[in-house]
N, C-alpha and C. Protein backbone atom coordinates (compact mmCIF):
# COMPACT_ATOMS: atom_id res chain seq x y z
N MET A 1 193.37 -18.00 59.00
CA MET A 1 193.53 -16.91 59.84
C MET A 1 193.94 -18.16 61.41
N VAL A 2 195.35 -18.01 61.90
CA VAL A 2 195.66 -18.87 62.89
C VAL A 2 195.50 -18.17 64.18
N HIS A 3 194.82 -19.37 65.30
CA HIS A 3 194.70 -18.92 66.36
C HIS A 3 195.48 -19.69 67.09
N SER A 4 196.17 -19.25 67.94
CA SER A 4 197.06 -19.87 69.22
C SER A 4 196.53 -19.46 70.48
N VAL A 5 196.57 -20.73 71.27
CA VAL A 5 196.50 -20.70 72.48
C VAL A 5 197.62 -21.18 73.50
N GLN A 6 198.84 -19.90 74.06
CA GLN A 6 199.92 -20.65 74.86
C GLN A 6 199.06 -21.89 75.86
N ASN A 7 199.79 -22.53 76.32
CA ASN A 7 199.82 -23.65 76.91
C ASN A 7 198.51 -24.52 77.10
N ALA A 8 197.56 -24.42 75.97
CA ALA A 8 196.67 -24.97 75.75
C ALA A 8 196.62 -26.46 75.78
N GLU A 9 196.14 -27.42 76.11
CA GLU A 9 196.13 -28.73 76.20
C GLU A 9 195.92 -29.21 74.89
N ILE A 10 196.35 -30.39 74.03
CA ILE A 10 195.84 -30.69 72.93
C ILE A 10 195.67 -32.54 73.14
N THR A 11 194.95 -33.15 72.28
CA THR A 11 194.66 -34.52 72.28
C THR A 11 195.88 -34.99 71.44
N HIS A 12 196.11 -36.30 71.76
CA HIS A 12 197.30 -37.18 71.06
C HIS A 12 197.00 -37.01 69.43
N ALA A 13 195.42 -37.35 69.03
CA ALA A 13 194.83 -37.18 67.59
C ALA A 13 195.30 -36.05 66.74
N GLU A 14 194.70 -34.67 67.56
CA GLU A 14 195.27 -33.34 67.39
C GLU A 14 196.45 -32.72 67.11
N MET A 15 197.47 -33.69 67.94
CA MET A 15 198.90 -33.72 67.55
C MET A 15 199.30 -34.16 66.59
N ALA A 16 198.68 -35.35 66.36
CA ALA A 16 199.16 -36.08 65.25
C ALA A 16 198.40 -35.41 63.95
N VAL A 17 197.70 -34.79 63.57
CA VAL A 17 197.12 -33.97 62.57
C VAL A 17 198.43 -32.71 62.40
N LEU A 18 198.49 -32.57 63.42
CA LEU A 18 199.66 -30.99 63.26
C LEU A 18 200.79 -31.58 62.92
N ILE A 19 201.41 -32.67 63.23
CA ILE A 19 202.61 -33.19 62.52
C ILE A 19 202.70 -33.76 61.44
N THR A 20 200.95 -34.01 60.86
CA THR A 20 200.92 -34.45 59.56
C THR A 20 201.11 -33.48 58.76
N ASN A 21 200.53 -32.55 58.92
CA ASN A 21 200.34 -31.32 58.11
C ASN A 21 201.41 -30.69 58.18
N ALA A 22 202.47 -30.65 59.20
CA ALA A 22 203.59 -29.92 59.55
C ALA A 22 204.95 -30.69 58.04
N ILE A 23 204.68 -32.11 58.19
CA ILE A 23 205.27 -32.75 56.94
C ILE A 23 204.87 -32.63 55.56
N GLY A 24 203.76 -32.37 55.47
CA GLY A 24 203.48 -32.41 54.13
C GLY A 24 202.47 -34.01 53.58
N LYS A 25 202.13 -34.23 54.89
CA LYS A 25 201.37 -35.76 54.40
C LYS A 25 199.91 -35.04 54.22
N SER A 26 199.02 -36.10 53.43
CA SER A 26 197.62 -35.98 53.58
C SER A 26 197.35 -37.23 54.69
N VAL A 27 196.26 -36.84 55.36
CA VAL A 27 195.05 -37.23 56.09
C VAL A 27 194.20 -38.27 55.62
N GLU A 28 194.03 -39.46 55.59
CA GLU A 28 193.00 -40.34 55.01
C GLU A 28 191.96 -41.01 56.38
N ALA A 29 190.88 -39.90 56.15
CA ALA A 29 189.53 -39.61 56.92
C ALA A 29 189.11 -40.63 57.62
N ASN A 30 189.08 -41.99 56.92
CA ASN A 30 188.52 -43.20 56.78
C ASN A 30 189.97 -44.63 57.15
N ALA A 31 190.90 -44.10 57.56
CA ALA A 31 192.23 -45.08 57.81
C ALA A 31 192.06 -45.99 58.65
N VAL A 32 192.19 -47.49 58.70
CA VAL A 32 191.91 -48.37 59.56
C VAL A 32 193.35 -48.91 59.99
N THR A 33 193.16 -49.06 61.43
CA THR A 33 194.79 -49.24 61.94
C THR A 33 194.34 -50.82 62.70
N ASP A 34 195.41 -50.74 63.47
CA ASP A 34 195.37 -52.03 64.29
C ASP A 34 195.26 -51.86 65.61
N PHE A 35 194.97 -50.52 66.18
CA PHE A 35 194.92 -50.04 67.45
C PHE A 35 193.77 -50.74 68.31
N ALA A 36 193.98 -51.32 69.60
CA ALA A 36 192.70 -51.79 69.88
C ALA A 36 191.28 -50.61 69.93
N ASP A 37 192.02 -49.63 70.15
CA ASP A 37 190.97 -48.14 70.54
C ASP A 37 190.70 -47.52 68.95
N ASP A 38 191.09 -48.47 68.12
CA ASP A 38 190.39 -47.81 66.53
C ASP A 38 189.32 -47.14 66.51
N LYS A 39 188.29 -47.94 67.07
CA LYS A 39 187.03 -47.17 66.64
C LYS A 39 186.86 -45.47 67.41
N ASP A 40 187.64 -45.53 68.65
CA ASP A 40 188.01 -44.32 69.37
C ASP A 40 188.60 -43.08 68.39
N ILE A 41 189.38 -43.18 67.95
CA ILE A 41 190.02 -42.29 66.70
C ILE A 41 189.09 -41.64 66.14
N PRO A 42 189.19 -40.31 66.87
CA PRO A 42 188.12 -39.19 65.73
C PRO A 42 188.57 -39.33 64.01
N ALA A 43 187.70 -38.69 63.47
CA ALA A 43 187.91 -39.30 62.07
C ALA A 43 188.46 -37.35 61.39
């Protein structure tokens, strides 16, 4: 089921997941980054 809401605000993390899925890449749930706010990135 696809749910679409026009003009809905999404987070950067949600956009990253959408783009990653669109290009066919997998998302590693426990990936570690060098970002200062790495601990705040949702899994």
